[in-house]
Amino acid sequence: MSFPISIPAEQVSRCTTDVLVIKLSLIRPRANARPIIPKRVNQLADSIREIGLQSPIVLRSLTDTGDGKLFEILAGRHRYEAFVLLNKEEIPAIVRDVDDLHAELIEIDENLCRENLTPAQMTAAVARRKEIYEALHPETAHGGDRRSSRRTGDMMRRGRVKRFTRATAEATGRSERNIQRAARQGEKIGPQDLERLAGTSLDKISELEALANLTSEERKVLIDKAASGETVSARITGNSLNTSDQWRADISRLIESAPTIADCAWASDQLAKKQTTIAALEVPEFLRRAQ
């Protein structure tokens, strides 16, 4: 019988071709793992007690210590904690030989597939996954000269590399449209600030979309307030912007819906003006109808 990695016999009591059974005492959570949800651990423990473990956890091997080889959890932290709760000594696991980036990618995909994430947590996970994906596949990142862009396009058409949103949708079972929205919001807001927003008044899809459309300075003010526990909204700008800023924000949102190229050019020109006393009435009627 073959094994995916070499493990001392005393650490593995039984196995199949791909699944090893490893002592819980040799397994460690990842350093930056998300906090466990006790309710979910209890639910899993009840299920495991009734029907057994349906999916093995995923680990990677760490360096040897005096106690033997240690393993780090990549996917299945709650299943591991359920086995601990049930006073089990061993757990079925698949061991992967991966580097730090691939290890984090596996953990993110596990969360996106299995966890009940809030909108901010989901968007943060997608944003971080995009950073990792582009580090692993730099040809998919935006930028570069025309020649490299054409080469990347050819590779994508030939199926040699998938665009980020498609690859993520296939890996997580989420729709590509949702991944596209989360990636856009994540690029504007950033993974770190999104983590700060989890559980706040801005942790809603509509609020994150509105937040992504604000300037970086406006976002920072709202994020700091929300993170401190204050109830705020990015959807209402009338109370936080002066008349000129409100007018400019309205024009920005309407440029893409302007009916002609000339109208779009006019709106862009008006937006670039330095005056601060432009009245809202100067917005043309056709743009008002586009709202």
C-alpha atoms as a PDB file:
ATOM      1  CA  MET A   1       0.000   0.000   0.000  1.00  0.00           C
ATOM      2  CA  SER A   2       1.364   3.441  -0.929  1.00  0.00           C
ATOM      3  CA  PHE A   3       1.352   6.598   1.172  1.00  0.00           C
ATOM      4  CA  PRO A   4       1.362  10.232   0.034  1.00  0.00           C
ATOM      5  CA  ILE A   5       4.206  11.004   2.462  1.00  0.00           C
ATOM      6  CA  SER A   6       6.514   9.032   4.721  1.00  0.00           C
ATOM      7  CA  ILE A   7       5.176   8.899   8.274  1.00  0.00           C
ATOM      8  CA  PRO A   8       6.495   6.758  11.130  1.00  0.00           C
ATOM      9  CA  ALA A   9       4.272   3.753  11.782  1.00  0.00           C
ATOM     10  CA  GLU A  10       3.642   4.724  15.411  1.00  0.00           C
ATOM     11  CA  GLN A  11       1.998   7.967  14.217  1.00  0.00           C
ATOM     12  CA  VAL A  12      -0.449   6.280  11.834  1.00  0.00           C
ATOM     13  CA  SER A  13      -2.608   3.381  12.946  1.00  0.00           C
ATOM     14  CA  ARG A  14      -4.345   2.623   9.651  1.00  0.00           C
ATOM     15  CA  CYS A  15      -4.839   4.182   6.244  1.00  0.00           C
ATOM     16  CA  THR A  16      -6.258   3.943   2.757  1.00  0.00           C
ATOM     17  CA  THR A  17      -4.461   4.918  -0.445  1.00  0.00           C
ATOM     18  CA  ASP A  18      -4.973   8.663   0.127  1.00  0.00           C
ATOM     19  CA  VAL A  19      -6.346   9.018   3.657  1.00  0.00           C
ATOM     20  CA  LEU A  20      -4.184   8.671   6.743  1.00  0.00           C
ATOM     21  CA  VAL A  21      -5.385   8.342  10.312  1.00  0.00           C
ATOM     22  CA  ILE A  22      -3.244  10.602  12.479  1.00  0.00           C
ATOM     23  CA  LYS A  23      -3.071  11.223  16.205  1.00  0.00           C
ATOM     24  CA  LEU A  24      -4.815  14.414  17.330  1.00  0.00           C
ATOM     25  CA  SER A  25      -1.867  15.212  19.596  1.00  0.00           C
ATOM     26  CA  LEU A  26       0.292  15.762  16.516  1.00  0.00           C
ATOM     27  CA  ILE A  27      -2.063  18.263  14.850  1.00  0.00           C
ATOM     28  CA  ARG A  28      -1.922  22.051  15.225  1.00  0.00           C
ATOM     29  CA  PRO A  29      -4.247  24.805  13.914  1.00  0.00           C
ATOM     30  CA  ARG A  30      -2.752  27.429  11.590  1.00  0.00           C
ATOM     31  CA  ALA A  31      -1.364  30.465  13.383  1.00  0.00           C
ATOM     32  CA  ASN A  32      -3.822  32.914  11.786  1.00  0.00           C
ATOM     33  CA  ALA A  33      -6.818  30.581  11.634  1.00  0.00           C
ATOM     34  CA  ARG A  34     -10.274  32.093  12.061  1.00  0.00           C
ATOM     35  CA  PRO A  35     -11.862  31.576  15.494  1.00  0.00           C
ATOM     36  CA  ILE A  36     -13.931  28.429  15.827  1.00  0.00           C
ATOM     37  CA  ILE A  37     -17.706  28.561  16.227  1.00  0.00           C
ATOM     38  CA  PRO A  38     -18.615  26.452  19.297  1.00  0.00           C
ATOM     39  CA  LYS A  39     -22.170  25.838  18.088  1.00  0.00           C
ATOM     40  CA  ARG A  40     -20.872  24.365  14.861  1.00  0.00           C
ATOM     41  CA  VAL A  41     -18.382  22.179  16.716  1.00  0.00           C
ATOM     42  CA  ASN A  42     -21.220  20.773  18.832  1.00  0.00           C
ATOM     43  CA  GLN A  43     -23.359  20.136  15.757  1.00  0.00           C
ATOM     44  CA  LEU A  44     -20.504  18.321  14.029  1.00  0.00           C
ATOM     45  CA  ALA A  45     -19.798  16.266  17.147  1.00  0.00           C
ATOM     46  CA  ASP A  46     -23.431  15.102  17.219  1.00  0.00           C
ATOM     47  CA  SER A  47     -23.275  14.222  13.521  1.00  0.00           C
ATOM     48  CA  ILE A  48     -19.960  12.374  13.848  1.00  0.00           C
ATOM     49  CA  ARG A  49     -21.260  10.447  16.857  1.00  0.00           C
ATOM     50  CA  GLU A  50     -24.311   9.413  14.817  1.00  0.00           C
ATOM     51  CA  ILE A  51     -22.939   8.695  11.320  1.00  0.00           C
ATOM     52  CA  GLY A  52     -19.185   9.136  11.540  1.00  0.00           C
ATOM     53  CA  LEU A  53     -16.887  11.604   9.775  1.00  0.00           C
ATOM     54  CA  GLN A  54     -17.969  12.105   6.167  1.00  0.00           C
ATOM     55  CA  SER A  55     -14.921  14.037   4.909  1.00  0.00           C
ATOM     56  CA  PRO A  56     -11.316  13.812   6.131  1.00  0.00           C
ATOM     57  CA  ILE A  57      -9.560  16.963   7.221  1.00  0.00           C
ATOM     58  CA  VAL A  58      -6.656  18.343   5.171  1.00  0.00           C
ATOM     59  CA  LEU A  59      -3.218  18.814   6.725  1.00  0.00           C
ATOM     60  CA  ARG A  60       0.319  19.629   5.747  1.00  0.00           C
ATOM     61  CA  SER A  61       3.378  18.298   7.510  1.00  0.00           C
ATOM     62  CA  LEU A  62       5.590  20.553   9.584  1.00  0.00           C
ATOM     63  CA  THR A  63       9.178  20.021  10.674  1.00  0.00           C
ATOM     64  CA  ASP A  64      10.036  17.099  12.924  1.00  0.00           C
ATOM     65  CA  THR A  65      10.205  17.725  16.667  1.00  0.00           C
ATOM     66  CA  GLY A  66      11.263  15.597  19.565  1.00  0.00           C
ATOM     67  CA  ASP A  67       7.745  14.193  19.670  1.00  0.00           C
ATOM     68  CA  GLY A  68       7.728  13.307  15.966  1.00  0.00           C
ATOM     69  CA  LYS A  69       6.322  14.944  12.862  1.00  0.00           C
ATOM     70  CA  LEU A  70       3.691  17.637  13.483  1.00  0.00           C
ATOM     71  CA  PHE A  71       0.854  18.592  11.148  1.00  0.00           C
ATOM     72  CA  GLU A  72      -0.931  21.854  10.465  1.00  0.00           C
ATOM     73  CA  ILE A  73      -4.645  22.074   9.668  1.00  0.00           C
ATOM     74  CA  LEU A  74      -5.421  23.490   6.223  1.00  0.00           C
ATOM     75  CA  ALA A  75      -9.096  22.531   6.074  1.00  0.00           C
ATOM     76  CA  GLY A  76     -11.392  21.026   8.684  1.00  0.00           C
ATOM     77  CA  ARG A  77     -10.640  22.906  11.894  1.00  0.00           C
ATOM     78  CA  HIS A  78     -14.206  22.447  13.179  1.00  0.00           C
ATOM     79  CA  ARG A  79     -14.120  18.711  12.395  1.00  0.00           C
ATOM     80  CA  TYR A  80     -10.838  18.462  14.296  1.00  0.00           C
ATOM     81  CA  GLU A  81     -12.325  20.300  17.300  1.00  0.00           C
ATOM     82  CA  ALA A  82     -15.358  17.977  17.181  1.00  0.00           C
ATOM     83  CA  PHE A  83     -13.032  14.961  17.444  1.00  0.00           C
ATOM     84  CA  VAL A  84     -11.327  16.615  20.418  1.00  0.00           C
ATOM     85  CA  LEU A  85     -14.739  17.196  22.016  1.00  0.00           C
ATOM     86  CA  LEU A  86     -15.577  13.517  21.503  1.00  0.00           C
ATOM     87  CA  ASN A  87     -12.311  12.500  23.208  1.00  0.00           C
ATOM     88  CA  LYS A  88     -11.063  10.783  20.062  1.00  0.00           C
ATOM     89  CA  GLU A  89      -7.369  10.026  19.727  1.00  0.00           C
ATOM     90  CA  GLU A  90      -7.079   9.942  15.925  1.00  0.00           C
ATOM     91  CA  ILE A  91      -8.713  11.503  12.883  1.00  0.00           C
ATOM     92  CA  PRO A  92      -8.751  10.629   9.143  1.00  0.00           C
ATOM     93  CA  ALA A  93      -6.775  13.176   7.156  1.00  0.00           C
ATOM     94  CA  ILE A  94      -5.283  13.902   3.755  1.00  0.00           C
ATOM     95  CA  VAL A  95      -1.763  15.309   3.936  1.00  0.00           C
ATOM     96  CA  ARG A  96      -0.739  17.793   1.275  1.00  0.00           C
ATOM     97  CA  ASP A  97       2.805  18.857   0.440  1.00  0.00           C
ATOM     98  CA  VAL A  98       2.288  22.578  -0.213  1.00  0.00           C
ATOM     99  CA  ASP A  99       4.028  25.905   0.392  1.00  0.00           C
ATOM    100  CA  ASP A 100       2.636  28.750   2.509  1.00  0.00           C
ATOM    101  CA  LEU A 101       0.673  30.407  -0.317  1.00  0.00           C
ATOM    102  CA  HIS A 102      -0.977  27.178  -1.426  1.00  0.00           C
ATOM    103  CA  ALA A 103      -1.686  26.320   2.204  1.00  0.00           C
ATOM    104  CA  GLU A 104      -3.499  29.619   2.705  1.00  0.00           C
ATOM    105  CA  LEU A 105      -5.351  29.123  -0.574  1.00  0.00           C
ATOM    106  CA  ILE A 106      -6.670  25.763   0.612  1.00  0.00           C
ATOM    107  CA  GLU A 107      -7.804  27.311   3.897  1.00  0.00           C
ATOM    108  CA  ILE A 108      -9.585  30.183   2.125  1.00  0.00           C
ATOM    109  CA  ASP A 109     -11.377  27.817  -0.247  1.00  0.00           C
ATOM    110  CA  GLU A 110     -12.458  25.706   2.714  1.00  0.00           C
ATOM    111  CA  ASN A 111     -13.962  28.781   4.356  1.00  0.00           C
ATOM    112  CA  LEU A 112     -15.670  29.944   1.166  1.00  0.00           C
ATOM    113  CA  CYS A 113     -17.130  26.471   0.620  1.00  0.00           C
ATOM    114  CA  ARG A 114     -18.200  25.554   4.121  1.00  0.00           C
ATOM    115  CA  GLU A 115     -18.390  28.543   6.435  1.00  0.00           C
ATOM    116  CA  ASN A 116     -21.395  30.769   7.040  1.00  0.00           C
ATOM    117  CA  LEU A 117     -19.417  33.913   6.305  1.00  0.00           C
ATOM    118  CA  THR A 118     -20.758  37.422   6.678  1.00  0.00           C
ATOM    119  CA  PRO A 119     -20.605  39.634   3.548  1.00  0.00           C
ATOM    120  CA  ALA A 120     -17.467  41.380   4.853  1.00  0.00           C
ATOM    121  CA  GLN A 121     -15.744  38.091   5.696  1.00  0.00           C
ATOM    122  CA  MET A 122     -16.642  36.602   2.320  1.00  0.00           C
ATOM    123  CA  THR A 123     -15.367  39.685   0.489  1.00  0.00           C
ATOM    124  CA  ALA A 124     -12.171  39.698   2.558  1.00  0.00           C
ATOM    125  CA  ALA A 125     -11.589  36.030   1.722  1.00  0.00           C
ATOM    126  CA  VAL A 126     -12.092  36.676  -1.998  1.00  0.00           C
ATOM    127  CA  ALA A 127      -9.807  39.723  -1.865  1.00  0.00           C
ATOM    128  CA  ARG A 128      -7.034  37.754  -0.159  1.00  0.00           C
ATOM    129  CA  ARG A 129      -7.555  34.822  -2.543  1.00  0.00           C
ATOM    130  CA  LYS A 130      -7.080  37.206  -5.473  1.00  0.00           C
ATOM    131  CA  GLU A 131      -3.788  38.448  -4.005  1.00  0.00           C
ATOM    132  CA  ILE A 132      -2.558  34.870  -3.654  1.00  0.00           C
ATOM    133  CA  TYR A 133      -3.853  33.804  -7.080  1.00  0.00           C
ATOM    134  CA  GLU A 134      -2.111  36.688  -8.813  1.00  0.00           C
ATOM    135  CA  ALA A 135       1.093  35.946  -6.907  1.00  0.00           C
ATOM    136  CA  LEU A 136       0.918  32.335  -8.109  1.00  0.00           C
ATOM    137  CA  HIS A 137      -0.258  33.321 -11.605  1.00  0.00           C
ATOM    138  CA  PRO A 138       1.161  36.816 -12.268  1.00  0.00           C
ATOM    139  CA  GLU A 139       0.062  36.586 -15.893  1.00  0.00           C
ATOM    140  CA  THR A 140      -3.565  36.994 -14.719  1.00  0.00           C
ATOM    141  CA  ALA A 141      -2.922  40.307 -12.937  1.00  0.00           C
ATOM    142  CA  HIS A 142      -3.886  43.574 -14.619  1.00  0.00           C
ATOM    143  CA  GLY A 143      -1.143  45.607 -16.259  1.00  0.00           C
ATOM    144  CA  GLY A 144       1.771  44.831 -18.517  1.00  0.00           C
ATOM    145  CA  ASP A 145       2.492  45.707 -22.113  1.00  0.00           C
ATOM    146  CA  ARG A 146       0.375  44.785 -25.115  1.00  0.00           C
ATOM    147  CA  ARG A 147       2.512  41.775 -25.995  1.00  0.00           C
ATOM    148  CA  SER A 148       2.193  40.232 -22.521  1.00  0.00           C
ATOM    149  CA  SER A 149      -1.539  41.047 -22.488  1.00  0.00           C
ATOM    150  CA  ARG A 150      -2.014  39.258 -25.823  1.00  0.00           C
ATOM    151  CA  ARG A 151       0.016  36.280 -24.565  1.00  0.00           C
ATOM    152  CA  THR A 152      -2.083  36.078 -21.391  1.00  0.00           C
ATOM    153  CA  GLY A 153      -5.288  36.277 -23.427  1.00  0.00           C
ATOM    154  CA  ASP A 154      -4.078  33.426 -25.651  1.00  0.00           C
ATOM    155  CA  MET A 155      -3.222  31.301 -22.598  1.00  0.00           C
ATOM    156  CA  MET A 156      -6.664  31.887 -21.090  1.00  0.00           C
ATOM    157  CA  ARG A 157      -8.424  31.040 -24.357  1.00  0.00           C
ATOM    158  CA  ARG A 158      -6.421  27.815 -24.604  1.00  0.00           C
ATOM    159  CA  GLY A 159      -7.381  26.878 -21.052  1.00  0.00           C
ATOM    160  CA  ARG A 160      -3.795  26.922 -19.742  1.00  0.00           C
ATOM    161  CA  VAL A 161      -4.693  29.480 -17.077  1.00  0.00           C
ATOM    162  CA  LYS A 162      -8.117  30.534 -15.874  1.00  0.00           C
ATOM    163  CA  ARG A 163      -9.142  34.046 -14.973  1.00  0.00           C
ATOM    164  CA  PHE A 164      -9.345  34.568 -11.240  1.00  0.00           C
ATOM    165  CA  THR A 165     -13.123  34.886 -10.972  1.00  0.00           C
ATOM    166  CA  ARG A 166     -13.772  31.728 -12.974  1.00  0.00           C
ATOM    167  CA  ALA A 167     -11.172  29.692 -11.081  1.00  0.00           C
ATOM    168  CA  THR A 168     -12.560  30.874  -7.734  1.00  0.00           C
ATOM    169  CA  ALA A 169     -16.165  30.178  -8.698  1.00  0.00           C
ATOM    170  CA  GLU A 170     -15.248  26.630  -9.738  1.00  0.00           C
ATOM    171  CA  ALA A 171     -13.186  26.023  -6.596  1.00  0.00           C
ATOM    172  CA  THR A 172     -15.802  27.296  -4.148  1.00  0.00           C
ATOM    173  CA  GLY A 173     -19.148  26.594  -5.808  1.00  0.00           C
ATOM    174  CA  ARG A 174     -20.134  30.263  -5.701  1.00  0.00           C
ATOM    175  CA  SER A 175     -21.375  32.119  -8.767  1.00  0.00           C
ATOM    176  CA  GLU A 176     -18.804  33.973 -10.839  1.00  0.00           C
ATOM    177  CA  ARG A 177     -20.965  37.097 -10.640  1.00  0.00           C
ATOM    178  CA  ASN A 178     -20.751  37.067  -6.831  1.00  0.00           C
ATOM    179  CA  ILE A 179     -16.997  36.527  -7.026  1.00  0.00           C
ATOM    180  CA  GLN A 180     -16.671  39.450  -9.454  1.00  0.00           C
ATOM    181  CA  ARG A 181     -18.608  41.733  -7.107  1.00  0.00           C
ATOM    182  CA  ALA A 182     -16.601  40.645  -4.068  1.00  0.00           C
ATOM    183  CA  ALA A 183     -13.310  41.031  -5.959  1.00  0.00           C
ATOM    184  CA  ARG A 184     -14.249  44.563  -7.025  1.00  0.00           C
ATOM    185  CA  GLN A 185     -15.243  45.544  -3.501  1.00  0.00           C
ATOM    186  CA  GLY A 186     -12.187  43.844  -2.030  1.00  0.00           C
ATOM    187  CA  GLU A 187      -9.843  45.686  -4.379  1.00  0.00           C
ATOM    188  CA  LYS A 188     -11.277  49.017  -3.238  1.00  0.00           C
ATOM    189  CA  ILE A 189     -11.654  48.326   0.484  1.00  0.00           C
ATOM    190  CA  GLY A 190      -8.823  45.852   1.107  1.00  0.00           C
ATOM    191  CA  PRO A 191      -8.762  42.538   3.047  1.00  0.00           C
ATOM    192  CA  GLN A 192      -7.556  44.057   6.329  1.00  0.00           C
ATOM    193  CA  ASP A 193     -10.266  46.710   6.524  1.00  0.00           C
ATOM    194  CA  LEU A 194     -12.889  44.162   5.493  1.00  0.00           C
ATOM    195  CA  GLU A 195     -11.912  41.962   8.437  1.00  0.00           C
ATOM    196  CA  ARG A 196     -12.377  44.997  10.694  1.00  0.00           C
ATOM    197  CA  LEU A 197     -15.889  45.449   9.311  1.00  0.00           C
ATOM    198  CA  ALA A 198     -17.075  41.942  10.189  1.00  0.00           C
ATOM    199  CA  GLY A 199     -20.110  42.193  12.443  1.00  0.00           C
ATOM    200  CA  THR A 200     -20.407  45.990  12.152  1.00  0.00           C
ATOM    201  CA  SER A 201     -23.162  48.167  10.706  1.00  0.00           C
ATOM    202  CA  LEU A 202     -21.308  48.142   7.371  1.00  0.00           C
ATOM    203  CA  ASP A 203     -21.277  44.339   7.145  1.00  0.00           C
ATOM    204  CA  LYS A 204     -23.983  44.206   4.475  1.00  0.00           C
ATOM    205  CA  ILE A 205     -23.729  43.673   0.716  1.00  0.00           C
ATOM    206  CA  SER A 206     -25.369  47.021  -0.072  1.00  0.00           C
ATOM    207  CA  GLU A 207     -23.159  48.872   2.411  1.00  0.00           C
ATOM    208  CA  LEU A 208     -19.980  47.300   1.054  1.00  0.00           C
ATOM    209  CA  GLU A 209     -20.984  48.246  -2.484  1.00  0.00           C
ATOM    210  CA  ALA A 210     -21.619  51.845  -1.415  1.00  0.00           C
ATOM    211  CA  LEU A 211     -18.388  51.889   0.593  1.00  0.00           C
ATOM    212  CA  ALA A 212     -16.385  50.768  -2.434  1.00  0.00           C
ATOM    213  CA  ASN A 213     -17.700  53.742  -4.397  1.00  0.00           C
ATOM    214  CA  LEU A 214     -16.448  56.302  -1.872  1.00  0.00           C
ATOM    215  CA  THR A 215     -13.045  57.951  -1.873  1.00  0.00           C
ATOM    216  CA  SER A 216     -10.303  56.382   0.259  1.00  0.00           C
ATOM    217  CA  GLU A 217     -10.578  59.235   2.773  1.00  0.00           C
ATOM    218  CA  GLU A 218     -14.351  58.815   3.106  1.00  0.00           C
ATOM    219  CA  ARG A 219     -13.983  55.053   3.481  1.00  0.00           C
ATOM    220  CA  LYS A 220     -11.396  55.400   6.223  1.00  0.00           C
ATOM    221  CA  VAL A 221     -13.648  57.668   8.293  1.00  0.00           C
ATOM    222  CA  LEU A 222     -16.605  55.288   8.049  1.00  0.00           C
ATOM    223  CA  ILE A 223     -14.536  52.146   8.613  1.00  0.00           C
ATOM    224  CA  ASP A 224     -12.919  53.599  11.746  1.00  0.00           C
ATOM    225  CA  LYS A 225     -16.321  54.594  13.104  1.00  0.00           C
ATOM    226  CA  ALA A 226     -17.911  51.231  12.319  1.00  0.00           C
ATOM    227  CA  ALA A 227     -14.968  49.294  13.761  1.00  0.00           C
ATOM    228  CA  SER A 228     -15.294  51.264  16.997  1.00  0.00           C
ATOM    229  CA  GLY A 229     -18.920  50.154  17.323  1.00  0.00           C
ATOM    230  CA  GLU A 230     -20.655  53.218  15.909  1.00  0.00           C
ATOM    231  CA  THR A 231     -23.675  52.698  13.663  1.00  0.00           C
ATOM    232  CA  VAL A 232     -22.895  54.271  10.294  1.00  0.00           C
ATOM    233  CA  SER A 233     -23.993  53.901   6.689  1.00  0.00           C
ATOM    234  CA  ALA A 234     -22.118  54.354   3.430  1.00  0.00           C
ATOM    235  CA  ARG A 235     -25.393  54.445   1.507  1.00  0.00           C
ATOM    236  CA  ILE A 236     -26.430  57.912   2.638  1.00  0.00           C
ATOM    237  CA  THR A 237     -24.131  60.700   1.485  1.00  0.00           C
ATOM    238  CA  GLY A 238     -26.397  63.729   1.875  1.00  0.00           C
ATOM    239  CA  ASN A 239     -25.574  64.194   5.552  1.00  0.00           C
ATOM    240  CA  SER A 240     -21.837  63.642   5.175  1.00  0.00           C
ATOM    241  CA  LEU A 241     -20.995  65.562   1.989  1.00  0.00           C
ATOM    242  CA  ASN A 242     -21.391  69.246   1.191  1.00  0.00           C
ATOM    243  CA  THR A 243     -23.442  70.336  -1.830  1.00  0.00           C
ATOM    244  CA  SER A 244     -20.503  70.406  -4.221  1.00  0.00           C
ATOM    245  CA  ASP A 245     -19.196  67.009  -3.142  1.00  0.00           C
ATOM    246  CA  GLN A 246     -22.692  65.557  -3.380  1.00  0.00           C
ATOM    247  CA  TRP A 247     -23.074  66.954  -6.896  1.00  0.00           C
ATOM    248  CA  ARG A 248     -19.719  65.480  -7.941  1.00  0.00           C
ATOM    249  CA  ALA A 249     -20.602  62.098  -6.445  1.00  0.00           C
ATOM    250  CA  ASP A 250     -23.887  62.101  -8.353  1.00  0.00           C
ATOM    251  CA  ILE A 251     -22.121  62.923 -11.624  1.00  0.00           C
ATOM    252  CA  SER A 252     -19.559  60.170 -11.006  1.00  0.00           C
ATOM    253  CA  ARG A 253     -22.304  57.588 -10.628  1.00  0.00           C
ATOM    254  CA  LEU A 254     -24.089  58.837 -13.723  1.00  0.00           C
ATOM    255  CA  ILE A 255     -21.212  59.131 -16.174  1.00  0.00           C
ATOM    256  CA  GLU A 256     -21.437  55.496 -17.224  1.00  0.00           C
ATOM    257  CA  SER A 257     -25.174  55.790 -17.862  1.00  0.00           C
ATOM    258  CA  ALA A 258     -24.925  58.955 -19.982  1.00  0.00           C
ATOM    259  CA  PRO A 259     -26.717  58.267 -23.283  1.00  0.00           C
ATOM    260  CA  THR A 260     -24.006  59.533 -25.655  1.00  0.00           C
ATOM    261  CA  ILE A 261     -20.235  59.923 -25.771  1.00  0.00           C
ATOM    262  CA  ALA A 262     -20.689  63.698 -25.852  1.00  0.00           C
ATOM    263  CA  ASP A 263     -22.836  63.577 -22.709  1.00  0.00           C
ATOM    264  CA  CYS A 264     -20.248  61.433 -20.960  1.00  0.00           C
ATOM    265  CA  ALA A 265     -17.500  63.849 -21.964  1.00  0.00           C
ATOM    266  CA  TRP A 266     -19.543  66.779 -20.641  1.00  0.00           C
ATOM    267  CA  ALA A 267     -20.095  65.072 -17.292  1.00  0.00           C
ATOM    268  CA  SER A 268     -16.403  64.227 -16.981  1.00  0.00           C
ATOM    269  CA  ASP A 269     -15.452  67.816 -17.813  1.00  0.00           C
ATOM    270  CA  GLN A 270     -17.856  69.206 -15.241  1.00  0.00           C
ATOM    271  CA  LEU A 271     -16.570  66.816 -12.627  1.00  0.00           C
ATOM    272  CA  ALA A 272     -13.004  68.020 -13.167  1.00  0.00           C
ATOM    273  CA  LYS A 273     -13.866  71.683 -12.590  1.00  0.00           C
ATOM    274  CA  LYS A 274     -12.464  73.358  -9.514  1.00  0.00           C
ATOM    275  CA  GLN A 275     -15.483  75.446  -8.590  1.00  0.00           C
ATOM    276  CA  THR A 276     -17.153  74.537  -5.330  1.00  0.00           C
ATOM    277  CA  THR A 277     -20.372  76.448  -5.849  1.00  0.00           C
ATOM    278  CA  ILE A 278     -21.883  74.504  -8.729  1.00  0.00           C
ATOM    279  CA  ALA A 279     -25.564  74.147  -8.012  1.00  0.00           C
ATOM    280  CA  ALA A 280     -27.216  70.749  -8.230  1.00  0.00           C
ATOM    281  CA  LEU A 281     -29.680  72.307 -10.715  1.00  0.00           C
ATOM    282  CA  GLU A 282     -26.918  72.414 -13.318  1.00  0.00           C
ATOM    283  CA  VAL A 283     -27.151  68.653 -13.714  1.00  0.00           C
ATOM    284  CA  PRO A 284     -28.925  68.140 -17.072  1.00  0.00           C
ATOM    285  CA  GLU A 285     -32.362  66.620 -17.110  1.00  0.00           C
ATOM    286  CA  PHE A 286     -31.222  63.558 -19.077  1.00  0.00           C
ATOM    287  CA  LEU A 287     -28.758  62.736 -16.319  1.00  0.00           C
ATOM    288  CA  ARG A 288     -31.427  63.178 -13.680  1.00  0.00           C
ATOM    289  CA  ARG A 289     -33.614  60.673 -15.522  1.00  0.00           C
ATOM    290  CA  ALA A 290     -30.702  58.202 -15.459  1.00  0.00           C
ATOM    291  CA  GLN A 291     -30.771  58.005 -11.679  1.00  0.00           C
END
